[in-house]
Amino acid sequence: MTNHAQASTAARNERRWPMPAYPRGWYVVSYSSDLGPERVIPLRYFGQDLVLYRAKNGAPVLLDAYCPHIGTHLGIGGTVDGDCIRCPMHGWLFDRTGTCTNVPYLDELPRNHRVRAWPVYEQSGLVWTYYDANQNNATAPTWDPPLIEAYDDPDWTAFDEGRRWVIRTHVQMFHENAVDVHHFRQLHRLGTFAEPTQSFDGAVMISRFMHLCTYPELGIDEGIEVETRTSTYGLGLTIGHTTTMGEIESLSLATSTPIDEEHIDARMATAVRSLGDEAATASLFETVVEATARHRRHPHLGKPELQHRGVLQE
């Protein structure tokens, strides 16, 4: 083994975080809009290869990726057949529980040939799974993913779902960021912040803070008053509800799902409440989406000295 390979292996084996790499809880594995009718998507989360598909009845199904026959990846070339997925290699069929229900060339099904099925929950445009390190004796979830009322509310725009990053960090640090007021001022230049007030409701951390923001896109260079209320559900989702000047409202959904012990899949969706005028609402929506992107584009994020905490990968 070369010195470089040895160093890479050592780096992988070195735990950078005192927290478990994959904390127990609900995590988003897809937007509903990405999982069209009978679509099959290969995924990698929690250090494992998975396959997500939408059954003919419309339900999302998440399974371990590899067919137990000879290890073919069901997410690469696999097809939906009714409410099941068919292996692309020999046509073995697996239902939503991971049970093999058909082998085209056998009259008797092989015993104990199944793949693990993961819990799936779909609501408000998000497809979730529940992770527990001990999947065979998993602890029952103590909370459910939230209903996001704005998702189906005609007074709100559709969510912009185009922001996605791979970040070298831990999911806990990603959501701690939501209440780190000092980084907003220093890194994002968002003005003066008051210390947030915080409370807890089970697995939900609720924070509220006031700050001053500038919006160069609107020609506003002097700080205007903004109130932000964040609700963080476990370590998988932070909902940010922002009210500007007491009347302009926007909503952001920040999700994070561990890919492996070093990286998370982070996504951001944004919507605004209608102003009552279609053109004005469209302009506001474009401004808020651009401002969200601007706050996350910063040259310092790519510097090697920040890699101990978190670096945007792509």
C-alpha atoms as a PDB file:
ATOM      1  CA  MET A   1       0.000   0.000   0.000  1.00  0.00           C
ATOM      2  CA  THR A   2       1.370   3.436  -0.942  1.00  0.00           C
ATOM      3  CA  ASN A   3       1.904   6.180   1.629  1.00  0.00           C
ATOM      4  CA  HIS A   4      -0.970   8.124   0.045  1.00  0.00           C
ATOM      5  CA  ALA A   5      -3.304   5.147   0.281  1.00  0.00           C
ATOM      6  CA  GLN A   6      -2.260   4.552   3.897  1.00  0.00           C
ATOM      7  CA  ALA A   7      -2.894   8.198   4.715  1.00  0.00           C
ATOM      8  CA  SER A   8      -6.301   8.067   3.037  1.00  0.00           C
ATOM      9  CA  THR A   9      -7.246   4.942   4.979  1.00  0.00           C
ATOM     10  CA  ALA A  10      -6.085   6.529   8.235  1.00  0.00           C
ATOM     11  CA  ALA A  11      -8.105   9.641   7.470  1.00  0.00           C
ATOM     12  CA  ARG A  12     -11.206   7.560   6.848  1.00  0.00           C
ATOM     13  CA  ASN A  13     -10.709   5.654  10.082  1.00  0.00           C
ATOM     14  CA  GLU A  14     -10.149   8.773  12.174  1.00  0.00           C
ATOM     15  CA  ARG A  15     -13.365   9.957  13.787  1.00  0.00           C
ATOM     16  CA  ARG A  16     -13.614  13.737  13.520  1.00  0.00           C
ATOM     17  CA  TRP A  17     -16.815  14.029  15.525  1.00  0.00           C
ATOM     18  CA  PRO A  18     -17.650  13.073  19.120  1.00  0.00           C
ATOM     19  CA  MET A  19     -21.262  12.449  17.984  1.00  0.00           C
ATOM     20  CA  PRO A  20     -22.482   9.261  16.277  1.00  0.00           C
ATOM     21  CA  ALA A  21     -21.897   9.490  12.531  1.00  0.00           C
ATOM     22  CA  TYR A  22     -25.533   8.655  11.832  1.00  0.00           C
ATOM     23  CA  PRO A  23     -27.803   9.884  14.657  1.00  0.00           C
ATOM     24  CA  ARG A  24     -31.142   8.144  14.999  1.00  0.00           C
ATOM     25  CA  GLY A  25     -34.057  10.001  13.408  1.00  0.00           C
ATOM     26  CA  TRP A  26     -35.992  10.974  10.284  1.00  0.00           C
ATOM     27  CA  TYR A  27     -34.082  12.173   7.190  1.00  0.00           C
ATOM     28  CA  VAL A  28     -35.157  13.329   3.733  1.00  0.00           C
ATOM     29  CA  VAL A  29     -34.030  11.012   0.931  1.00  0.00           C
ATOM     30  CA  SER A  30     -35.837  12.733  -1.958  1.00  0.00           C
ATOM     31  CA  TYR A  31     -38.172  15.502  -2.944  1.00  0.00           C
ATOM     32  CA  SER A  32     -41.514  14.155  -4.113  1.00  0.00           C
ATOM     33  CA  SER A  33     -41.030  16.043  -7.367  1.00  0.00           C
ATOM     34  CA  ASP A  34     -37.878  14.015  -8.089  1.00  0.00           C
ATOM     35  CA  LEU A  35     -39.696  10.706  -7.678  1.00  0.00           C
ATOM     36  CA  GLY A  36     -42.048  10.584 -10.635  1.00  0.00           C
ATOM     37  CA  PRO A  37     -44.496   7.766 -11.424  1.00  0.00           C
ATOM     38  CA  GLU A  38     -42.734   4.377 -11.383  1.00  0.00           C
ATOM     39  CA  ARG A  39     -39.321   6.062 -11.261  1.00  0.00           C
ATOM     40  CA  VAL A  40     -36.301   4.221  -9.788  1.00  0.00           C
ATOM     41  CA  ILE A  41     -33.480   6.191  -8.111  1.00  0.00           C
ATOM     42  CA  PRO A  42     -30.184   4.772  -6.811  1.00  0.00           C
ATOM     43  CA  LEU A  43     -29.146   6.467  -3.564  1.00  0.00           C
ATOM     44  CA  ARG A  44     -26.277   6.389  -1.101  1.00  0.00           C
ATOM     45  CA  TYR A  45     -26.993   7.424   2.477  1.00  0.00           C
ATOM     46  CA  PHE A  46     -25.745   6.318   5.909  1.00  0.00           C
ATOM     47  CA  GLY A  47     -22.737   4.699   4.236  1.00  0.00           C
ATOM     48  CA  GLN A  48     -25.014   2.292   2.357  1.00  0.00           C
ATOM     49  CA  ASP A  49     -26.297   1.873  -1.184  1.00  0.00           C
ATOM     50  CA  LEU A  50     -30.079   2.075  -1.424  1.00  0.00           C
ATOM     51  CA  VAL A  51     -32.782   2.083  -4.082  1.00  0.00           C
ATOM     52  CA  LEU A  52     -35.848   4.305  -3.977  1.00  0.00           C
ATOM     53  CA  TYR A  53     -38.788   3.752  -6.302  1.00  0.00           C
ATOM     54  CA  ARG A  54     -42.384   4.861  -6.658  1.00  0.00           C
ATOM     55  CA  ALA A  55     -44.721   1.906  -6.896  1.00  0.00           C
ATOM     56  CA  LYS A  56     -47.579   1.823  -9.383  1.00  0.00           C
ATOM     57  CA  ASN A  57     -49.981   2.622  -6.525  1.00  0.00           C
ATOM     58  CA  GLY A  58     -48.034   5.857  -5.935  1.00  0.00           C
ATOM     59  CA  ALA A  59     -46.310   4.879  -2.689  1.00  0.00           C
ATOM     60  CA  PRO A  60     -42.560   5.441  -2.307  1.00  0.00           C
ATOM     61  CA  VAL A  61     -40.491   2.372  -1.395  1.00  0.00           C
ATOM     62  CA  LEU A  62     -36.912   2.313  -0.065  1.00  0.00           C
ATOM     63  CA  LEU A  63     -34.855  -0.891  -0.054  1.00  0.00           C
ATOM     64  CA  ASP A  64     -31.241  -1.954   0.301  1.00  0.00           C
ATOM     65  CA  ALA A  65     -29.755  -1.743  -3.167  1.00  0.00           C
ATOM     66  CA  TYR A  66     -28.323  -5.184  -3.856  1.00  0.00           C
ATOM     67  CA  CYS A  67     -30.234  -8.206  -5.062  1.00  0.00           C
ATOM     68  CA  PRO A  68     -29.405 -11.151  -2.738  1.00  0.00           C
ATOM     69  CA  HIS A  69     -28.981 -13.448  -5.752  1.00  0.00           C
ATOM     70  CA  ILE A  70     -25.624 -12.263  -7.128  1.00  0.00           C
ATOM     71  CA  GLY A  71     -25.509  -8.683  -5.863  1.00  0.00           C
ATOM     72  CA  THR A  72     -26.915  -6.714  -8.799  1.00  0.00           C
ATOM     73  CA  HIS A  73     -27.780  -3.099  -7.948  1.00  0.00           C
ATOM     74  CA  LEU A  74     -31.567  -2.810  -8.166  1.00  0.00           C
ATOM     75  CA  GLY A  75     -31.360   0.958  -8.662  1.00  0.00           C
ATOM     76  CA  ILE A  76     -29.321   0.695 -11.870  1.00  0.00           C
ATOM     77  CA  GLY A  77     -31.535  -0.772 -14.552  1.00  0.00           C
ATOM     78  CA  GLY A  78     -34.184  -2.078 -12.155  1.00  0.00           C
ATOM     79  CA  THR A  79     -37.799  -1.493 -13.216  1.00  0.00           C
ATOM     80  CA  VAL A  80     -41.087  -1.056 -11.388  1.00  0.00           C
ATOM     81  CA  ASP A  81     -43.543  -3.905 -11.885  1.00  0.00           C
ATOM     82  CA  GLY A  82     -46.817  -3.131 -10.150  1.00  0.00           C
ATOM     83  CA  ASP A  83     -45.882  -2.313  -6.575  1.00  0.00           C
ATOM     84  CA  CYS A  84     -42.597  -4.235  -6.806  1.00  0.00           C
ATOM     85  CA  ILE A  85     -39.145  -3.717  -8.318  1.00  0.00           C
ATOM     86  CA  ARG A  86     -37.628  -6.195 -10.767  1.00  0.00           C
ATOM     87  CA  CYS A  87     -33.905  -6.938 -10.802  1.00  0.00           C
ATOM     88  CA  PRO A  88     -32.323  -6.069 -14.164  1.00  0.00           C
ATOM     89  CA  MET A  89     -30.061  -9.133 -14.184  1.00  0.00           C
ATOM     90  CA  HIS A  90     -32.342 -12.170 -13.788  1.00  0.00           C
ATOM     91  CA  GLY A  91     -35.755 -10.607 -13.255  1.00  0.00           C
ATOM     92  CA  TRP A  92     -36.208 -11.435  -9.571  1.00  0.00           C
ATOM     93  CA  LEU A  93     -39.103  -9.449  -8.134  1.00  0.00           C
ATOM     94  CA  PHE A  94     -39.129  -7.780  -4.695  1.00  0.00           C
ATOM     95  CA  ASP A  95     -42.100  -6.152  -2.991  1.00  0.00           C
ATOM     96  CA  ARG A  96     -42.177  -3.144  -0.640  1.00  0.00           C
ATOM     97  CA  THR A  97     -41.274  -5.369   2.326  1.00  0.00           C
ATOM     98  CA  GLY A  98     -38.152  -6.608   0.527  1.00  0.00           C
ATOM     99  CA  THR A  99     -39.596 -10.086   0.022  1.00  0.00           C
ATOM    100  CA  CYS A 100     -38.833 -11.941  -3.205  1.00  0.00           C
ATOM    101  CA  THR A 101     -42.235 -12.681  -4.730  1.00  0.00           C
ATOM    102  CA  ASN A 102     -41.293 -14.025  -8.155  1.00  0.00           C
ATOM    103  CA  VAL A 103     -38.405 -15.622 -10.041  1.00  0.00           C
ATOM    104  CA  PRO A 104     -39.407 -15.980 -13.704  1.00  0.00           C
ATOM    105  CA  TYR A 105     -37.670 -19.300 -14.266  1.00  0.00           C
ATOM    106  CA  LEU A 106     -38.423 -21.028 -10.914  1.00  0.00           C
ATOM    107  CA  ASP A 107     -41.632 -22.654  -9.701  1.00  0.00           C
ATOM    108  CA  GLU A 108     -40.488 -22.562  -6.073  1.00  0.00           C
ATOM    109  CA  LEU A 109     -39.117 -19.349  -4.580  1.00  0.00           C
ATOM    110  CA  PRO A 110     -35.689 -19.467  -2.899  1.00  0.00           C
ATOM    111  CA  ARG A 111     -35.858 -19.334   0.872  1.00  0.00           C
ATOM    112  CA  ASN A 112     -34.594 -16.358   2.855  1.00  0.00           C
ATOM    113  CA  HIS A 113     -33.799 -14.323  -0.237  1.00  0.00           C
ATOM    114  CA  ARG A 114     -34.912 -10.819   0.652  1.00  0.00           C
ATOM    115  CA  VAL A 115     -33.579  -7.289   0.909  1.00  0.00           C
ATOM    116  CA  ARG A 116     -34.027  -4.940   3.839  1.00  0.00           C
ATOM    117  CA  ALA A 117     -36.937  -2.532   3.593  1.00  0.00           C
ATOM    118  CA  TRP A 118     -36.635   0.928   5.177  1.00  0.00           C
ATOM    119  CA  PRO A 119     -39.445   2.937   6.816  1.00  0.00           C
ATOM    120  CA  VAL A 120     -40.755   5.586   4.402  1.00  0.00           C
ATOM    121  CA  TYR A 121     -42.971   8.590   5.041  1.00  0.00           C
ATOM    122  CA  GLU A 122     -44.074  11.101   2.406  1.00  0.00           C
ATOM    123  CA  GLN A 123     -45.629  14.440   3.258  1.00  0.00           C
ATOM    124  CA  SER A 124     -45.499  18.061   2.100  1.00  0.00           C
ATOM    125  CA  GLY A 125     -43.310  17.287  -0.895  1.00  0.00           C
ATOM    126  CA  LEU A 126     -40.630  15.411   1.065  1.00  0.00           C
ATOM    127  CA  VAL A 127     -39.839  11.689   1.152  1.00  0.00           C
ATOM    128  CA  TRP A 128     -38.351  10.632   4.498  1.00  0.00           C
ATOM    129  CA  THR A 129     -36.775   7.527   5.975  1.00  0.00           C
ATOM    130  CA  TYR A 130     -36.136   6.698   9.612  1.00  0.00           C
ATOM    131  CA  TYR A 131     -32.602   5.663  10.521  1.00  0.00           C
ATOM    132  CA  ASP A 132     -31.687   3.555  13.513  1.00  0.00           C
ATOM    133  CA  ALA A 133     -28.245   1.968  13.760  1.00  0.00           C
ATOM    134  CA  ASN A 134     -29.878  -1.194  15.093  1.00  0.00           C
ATOM    135  CA  GLN A 135     -32.361  -1.683  12.278  1.00  0.00           C
ATOM    136  CA  ASN A 136     -33.240  -5.212  13.376  1.00  0.00           C
ATOM    137  CA  ASN A 137     -34.376  -3.966  16.778  1.00  0.00           C
ATOM    138  CA  ALA A 138     -35.078  -0.346  15.961  1.00  0.00           C
ATOM    139  CA  THR A 139     -36.505   2.069  18.485  1.00  0.00           C
ATOM    140  CA  ALA A 140     -39.937   3.312  17.407  1.00  0.00           C
ATOM    141  CA  PRO A 141     -39.882   6.960  16.265  1.00  0.00           C
ATOM    142  CA  THR A 142     -40.851   9.382  19.020  1.00  0.00           C
ATOM    143  CA  TRP A 143     -41.911  12.089  16.551  1.00  0.00           C
ATOM    144  CA  ASP A 144     -43.262  12.356  13.021  1.00  0.00           C
ATOM    145  CA  PRO A 145     -42.030  14.548  10.158  1.00  0.00           C
ATOM    146  CA  PRO A 146     -43.961  17.824  10.167  1.00  0.00           C
ATOM    147  CA  LEU A 147     -46.827  18.916   7.986  1.00  0.00           C
ATOM    148  CA  ILE A 148     -45.703  22.014   6.086  1.00  0.00           C
ATOM    149  CA  GLU A 149     -48.951  23.861   5.525  1.00  0.00           C
ATOM    150  CA  ALA A 150     -47.475  26.345   3.032  1.00  0.00           C
ATOM    151  CA  TYR A 151     -46.759  23.453   0.641  1.00  0.00           C
ATOM    152  CA  ASP A 152     -50.442  23.161  -0.343  1.00  0.00           C
ATOM    153  CA  ASP A 153     -51.494  26.713   0.514  1.00  0.00           C
ATOM    154  CA  PRO A 154     -52.475  28.808  -2.550  1.00  0.00           C
ATOM    155  CA  ASP A 155     -51.376  31.935  -0.670  1.00  0.00           C
ATOM    156  CA  TRP A 156     -47.784  30.725  -1.017  1.00  0.00           C
ATOM    157  CA  THR A 157     -45.685  30.193  -4.138  1.00  0.00           C
ATOM    158  CA  ALA A 158     -44.423  26.764  -5.092  1.00  0.00           C
ATOM    159  CA  PHE A 159     -41.076  25.960  -3.500  1.00  0.00           C
ATOM    160  CA  ASP A 160     -37.878  26.541  -5.442  1.00  0.00           C
ATOM    161  CA  GLU A 161     -36.064  23.217  -5.002  1.00  0.00           C
ATOM    162  CA  GLY A 162     -32.921  23.852  -6.999  1.00  0.00           C
ATOM    163  CA  ARG A 163     -30.318  24.369  -4.249  1.00  0.00           C
ATOM    164  CA  ARG A 164     -28.223  21.330  -3.350  1.00  0.00           C
ATOM    165  CA  TRP A 165     -24.748  20.759  -1.951  1.00  0.00           C
ATOM    166  CA  VAL A 166     -22.496  17.993  -0.673  1.00  0.00           C
ATOM    167  CA  ILE A 167     -20.824  19.318   2.476  1.00  0.00           C
ATOM    168  CA  ARG A 168     -17.992  17.802   4.462  1.00  0.00           C
ATOM    169  CA  THR A 169     -19.509  18.108   7.909  1.00  0.00           C
ATOM    170  CA  HIS A 170     -21.814  16.450  10.430  1.00  0.00           C
ATOM    171  CA  VAL A 171     -25.596  16.885  10.348  1.00  0.00           C
ATOM    172  CA  GLN A 172     -25.574  18.382  13.837  1.00  0.00           C
ATOM    173  CA  MET A 173     -23.187  21.153  12.811  1.00  0.00           C
ATOM    174  CA  PHE A 174     -25.331  21.913   9.769  1.00  0.00           C
ATOM    175  CA  HIS A 175     -28.394  22.658  11.893  1.00  0.00           C
ATOM    176  CA  GLU A 176     -26.446  24.374  14.679  1.00  0.00           C
ATOM    177  CA  ASN A 177     -25.606  26.864  11.948  1.00  0.00           C
ATOM    178  CA  ALA A 178     -29.223  28.051  11.998  1.00  0.00           C
ATOM    179  CA  VAL A 179     -28.766  29.634  15.438  1.00  0.00           C
ATOM    180  CA  ASP A 180     -25.140  30.749  15.086  1.00  0.00           C
ATOM    181  CA  VAL A 181     -25.922  34.469  14.882  1.00  0.00           C
ATOM    182  CA  HIS A 182     -22.278  35.551  14.829  1.00  0.00           C
ATOM    183  CA  HIS A 183     -21.524  33.707  11.584  1.00  0.00           C
ATOM    184  CA  PHE A 184     -24.505  35.410   9.913  1.00  0.00           C
ATOM    185  CA  ARG A 185     -22.997  38.786  10.687  1.00  0.00           C
ATOM    186  CA  GLN A 186     -19.374  37.931   9.855  1.00  0.00           C
ATOM    187  CA  LEU A 187     -19.674  35.481   6.952  1.00  0.00           C
ATOM    188  CA  HIS A 188     -22.937  36.472   5.275  1.00  0.00           C
ATOM    189  CA  ARG A 189     -22.819  40.203   6.111  1.00  0.00           C
ATOM    190  CA  LEU A 190     -26.421  40.137   7.264  1.00  0.00           C
ATOM    191  CA  GLY A 191     -26.172  43.004   9.718  1.00  0.00           C
ATOM    192  CA  THR A 192     -26.828  43.269  13.437  1.00  0.00           C
ATOM    193  CA  PHE A 193     -28.342  40.328  15.258  1.00  0.00           C
ATOM    194  CA  ALA A 194     -29.934  40.062  18.665  1.00  0.00           C
ATOM    195  CA  GLU A 195     -29.279  36.930  20.695  1.00  0.00           C
ATOM    196  CA  PRO A 196     -31.923  34.308  19.837  1.00  0.00           C
ATOM    197  CA  THR A 197     -34.500  32.975  22.240  1.00  0.00           C
ATOM    198  CA  GLN A 198     -34.808  29.210  22.228  1.00  0.00           C
ATOM    199  CA  SER A 199     -37.233  26.577  23.432  1.00  0.00           C
ATOM    200  CA  PHE A 200     -37.709  22.853  22.930  1.00  0.00           C
ATOM    201  CA  ASP A 201     -40.776  20.768  22.164  1.00  0.00           C
ATOM    202  CA  GLY A 202     -39.665  17.144  22.219  1.00  0.00           C
ATOM    203  CA  ALA A 203     -37.330  16.649  19.252  1.00  0.00           C
ATOM    204  CA  VAL A 204     -38.029  20.153  17.903  1.00  0.00           C
ATOM    205  CA  MET A 205     -35.764  23.112  18.713  1.00  0.00           C
ATOM    206  CA  ILE A 206     -37.502  26.463  18.181  1.00  0.00           C
ATOM    207  CA  SER A 207     -35.456  29.652  17.875  1.00  0.00           C
ATOM    208  CA  ARG A 208     -36.462  33.255  17.293  1.00  0.00           C
ATOM    209  CA  PHE A 209     -34.259  36.258  16.632  1.00  0.00           C
ATOM    210  CA  MET A 210     -34.394  39.757  15.227  1.00  0.00           C
ATOM    211  CA  HIS A 211     -31.801  41.197  12.875  1.00  0.00           C
ATOM    212  CA  LEU A 212     -31.139  43.875  10.290  1.00  0.00           C
ATOM    213  CA  CYS A 213     -30.668  42.926   6.642  1.00  0.00           C
ATOM    214  CA  THR A 214     -29.722  44.653   3.398  1.00  0.00           C
ATOM    215  CA  TYR A 215     -31.089  43.671  -0.011  1.00  0.00           C
ATOM    216  CA  PRO A 216     -28.860  45.120  -2.762  1.00  0.00           C
ATOM    217  CA  GLU A 217     -31.087  43.399  -5.341  1.00  0.00           C
ATOM    218  CA  LEU A 218     -33.892  45.745  -4.283  1.00  0.00           C
ATOM    219  CA  GLY A 219     -31.660  48.778  -3.830  1.00  0.00           C
ATOM    220  CA  ILE A 220     -31.917  48.499  -0.028  1.00  0.00           C
ATOM    221  CA  ASP A 221     -28.460  49.183   1.371  1.00  0.00           C
ATOM    222  CA  GLU A 222     -29.531  50.234   4.846  1.00  0.00           C
ATOM    223  CA  GLY A 223     -30.599  47.626   7.355  1.00  0.00           C
ATOM    224  CA  ILE A 224     -34.290  46.794   7.598  1.00  0.00           C
ATOM    225  CA  GLU A 225     -35.834  44.837  10.435  1.00  0.00           C
ATOM    226  CA  VAL A 226     -36.254  41.110   9.906  1.00  0.00           C
ATOM    227  CA  GLU A 227     -37.667  38.499  12.276  1.00  0.00           C
ATOM    228  CA  THR A 228     -36.684  34.855  11.801  1.00  0.00           C
ATOM    229  CA  ARG A 229     -38.230  31.851  13.520  1.00  0.00           C
ATOM    230  CA  THR A 230     -36.603  28.467  12.969  1.00  0.00           C
ATOM    231  CA  SER A 231     -37.943  25.037  13.880  1.00  0.00           C
ATOM    232  CA  THR A 232     -35.386  22.229  13.730  1.00  0.00           C
ATOM    233  CA  TYR A 233     -36.829  18.705  13.620  1.00  0.00           C
ATOM    234  CA  GLY A 234     -34.259  16.237  14.906  1.00  0.00           C
ATOM    235  CA  LEU A 235     -31.199  16.654  12.692  1.00  0.00           C
ATOM    236  CA  GLY A 236     -32.958  16.256   9.342  1.00  0.00           C
ATOM    237  CA  LEU A 237     -34.846  19.495   8.733  1.00  0.00           C
ATOM    238  CA  THR A 238     -34.815  23.156   9.723  1.00  0.00           C
ATOM    239  CA  ILE A 239     -37.805  25.279   8.681  1.00  0.00           C
ATOM    240  CA  GLY A 240     -37.028  28.984   8.647  1.00  0.00           C
ATOM    241  CA  HIS A 241     -39.958  31.448   8.660  1.00  0.00           C
ATOM    242  CA  THR A 242     -38.769  34.990   7.961  1.00  0.00           C
ATOM    243  CA  THR A 243     -40.887  38.152   8.211  1.00  0.00           C
ATOM    244  CA  THR A 244     -39.455  41.366   6.758  1.00  0.00           C
ATOM    245  CA  MET A 245     -40.817  44.758   7.807  1.00  0.00           C
ATOM    246  CA  GLY A 246     -43.677  42.962   9.519  1.00  0.00           C
ATOM    247  CA  GLU A 247     -45.428  41.917   6.298  1.00  0.00           C
ATOM    248  CA  ILE A 248     -43.186  40.188   3.729  1.00  0.00           C
ATOM    249  CA  GLU A 249     -42.957  36.467   4.523  1.00  0.00           C
ATOM    250  CA  SER A 250     -40.663  33.761   3.194  1.00  0.00           C
ATOM    251  CA  LEU A 251     -40.144  30.139   4.145  1.00  0.00           C
ATOM    252  CA  SER A 252     -37.026  28.010   3.744  1.00  0.00           C
ATOM    253  CA  LEU A 253     -36.632  24.258   4.152  1.00  0.00           C
ATOM    254  CA  ALA A 254     -33.065  23.166   4.904  1.00  0.00           C
ATOM    255  CA  THR A 255     -32.633  19.383   4.880  1.00  0.00           C
ATOM    256  CA  SER A 256     -29.549  17.327   5.592  1.00  0.00           C
ATOM    257  CA  THR A 257     -28.963  13.595   5.271  1.00  0.00           C
ATOM    258  CA  PRO A 258     -25.681  11.783   6.062  1.00  0.00           C
ATOM    259  CA  ILE A 259     -24.064  10.283   2.971  1.00  0.00           C
ATOM    260  CA  ASP A 260     -21.178   8.731   4.865  1.00  0.00           C
ATOM    261  CA  GLU A 261     -19.211   9.523   8.013  1.00  0.00           C
ATOM    262  CA  GLU A 262     -17.658  12.605   6.411  1.00  0.00           C
ATOM    263  CA  HIS A 263     -20.326  14.123   4.153  1.00  0.00           C
ATOM    264  CA  ILE A 264     -23.961  15.189   4.136  1.00  0.00           C
ATOM    265  CA  ASP A 265     -26.425  15.848   1.332  1.00  0.00           C
ATOM    266  CA  ALA A 266     -27.842  19.326   2.010  1.00  0.00           C
ATOM    267  CA  ARG A 267     -30.802  20.809   0.161  1.00  0.00           C
ATOM    268  CA  MET A 268     -32.622  24.129   0.379  1.00  0.00           C
ATOM    269  CA  ALA A 269     -36.140  24.941  -0.830  1.00  0.00           C
ATOM    270  CA  THR A 270     -37.659  28.430  -0.655  1.00  0.00           C
ATOM    271  CA  ALA A 271     -41.161  29.896  -1.005  1.00  0.00           C
ATOM    272  CA  VAL A 272     -42.764  33.300  -0.367  1.00  0.00           C
ATOM    273  CA  ARG A 273     -46.262  34.351   0.637  1.00  0.00           C
ATOM    274  CA  SER A 274     -48.219  36.036  -2.152  1.00  0.00           C
ATOM    275  CA  LEU A 275     -48.332  39.832  -2.140  1.00  0.00           C
ATOM    276  CA  GLY A 276     -51.694  39.781  -3.913  1.00  0.00           C
ATOM    277  CA  ASP A 277     -50.140  40.827  -7.211  1.00  0.00           C
ATOM    278  CA  GLU A 278     -48.704  38.154  -9.500  1.00  0.00           C
ATOM    279  CA  ALA A 279     -45.861  40.268 -10.920  1.00  0.00           C
ATOM    280  CA  ALA A 280     -44.862  41.647  -7.511  1.00  0.00           C
ATOM    281  CA  THR A 281     -44.916  38.168  -5.976  1.00  0.00           C
ATOM    282  CA  ALA A 282     -42.775  36.760  -8.811  1.00  0.00           C
ATOM    283  CA  SER A 283     -40.252  39.570  -8.325  1.00  0.00           C
ATOM    284  CA  LEU A 284     -40.136  38.982  -4.576  1.00  0.00           C
ATOM    285  CA  PHE A 285     -39.727  35.234  -5.083  1.00  0.00           C
ATOM    286  CA  GLU A 286     -36.800  35.755  -7.468  1.00  0.00           C
ATOM    287  CA  THR A 287     -35.174  38.170  -5.029  1.00  0.00           C
ATOM    288  CA  VAL A 288     -35.506  35.846  -2.047  1.00  0.00           C
ATOM    289  CA  VAL A 289     -34.174  32.842  -4.000  1.00  0.00           C
ATOM    290  CA  GLU A 290     -31.181  34.881  -5.204  1.00  0.00           C
ATOM    291  CA  ALA A 291     -30.554  36.247  -1.711  1.00  0.00           C
ATOM    292  CA  THR A 292     -30.624  32.702  -0.331  1.00  0.00           C
ATOM    293  CA  ALA A 293     -28.064  31.623  -2.913  1.00  0.00           C
ATOM    294  CA  ARG A 294     -25.930  34.736  -2.284  1.00  0.00           C
ATOM    295  CA  HIS A 295     -25.803  34.049   1.443  1.00  0.00           C
ATOM    296  CA  ARG A 296     -24.391  30.586   0.687  1.00  0.00           C
ATOM    297  CA  ARG A 297     -21.840  31.642  -1.934  1.00  0.00           C
ATOM    298  CA  HIS A 298     -18.700  32.733  -0.165  1.00  0.00           C
ATOM    299  CA  PRO A 299     -15.024  32.282  -1.181  1.00  0.00           C
ATOM    300  CA  HIS A 300     -13.930  31.418   2.366  1.00  0.00           C
ATOM    301  CA  LEU A 301     -16.017  28.236   2.329  1.00  0.00           C
ATOM    302  CA  GLY A 302     -13.501  26.564   0.049  1.00  0.00           C
ATOM    303  CA  LYS A 303     -10.386  27.303   2.107  1.00  0.00           C
ATOM    304  CA  PRO A 304      -8.558  24.201   3.400  1.00  0.00           C
ATOM    305  CA  GLU A 305      -8.306  25.655   6.915  1.00  0.00           C
ATOM    306  CA  LEU A 306     -12.094  25.365   7.238  1.00  0.00           C
ATOM    307  CA  GLN A 307     -12.166  21.663   6.395  1.00  0.00           C
ATOM    308  CA  HIS A 308     -12.185  20.724  10.058  1.00  0.00           C
ATOM    309  CA  ARG A 309     -15.745  22.071  10.204  1.00  0.00           C
ATOM    310  CA  GLY A 310     -17.491  22.031   6.865  1.00  0.00           C
ATOM    311  CA  VAL A 311     -16.700  22.694   3.230  1.00  0.00           C
ATOM    312  CA  LEU A 312     -18.971  22.836   0.224  1.00  0.00           C
ATOM    313  CA  GLN A 313     -17.951  20.031  -2.101  1.00  0.00           C
ATOM    314  CA  GLU A 314     -20.174  20.787  -5.080  1.00  0.00           C
END
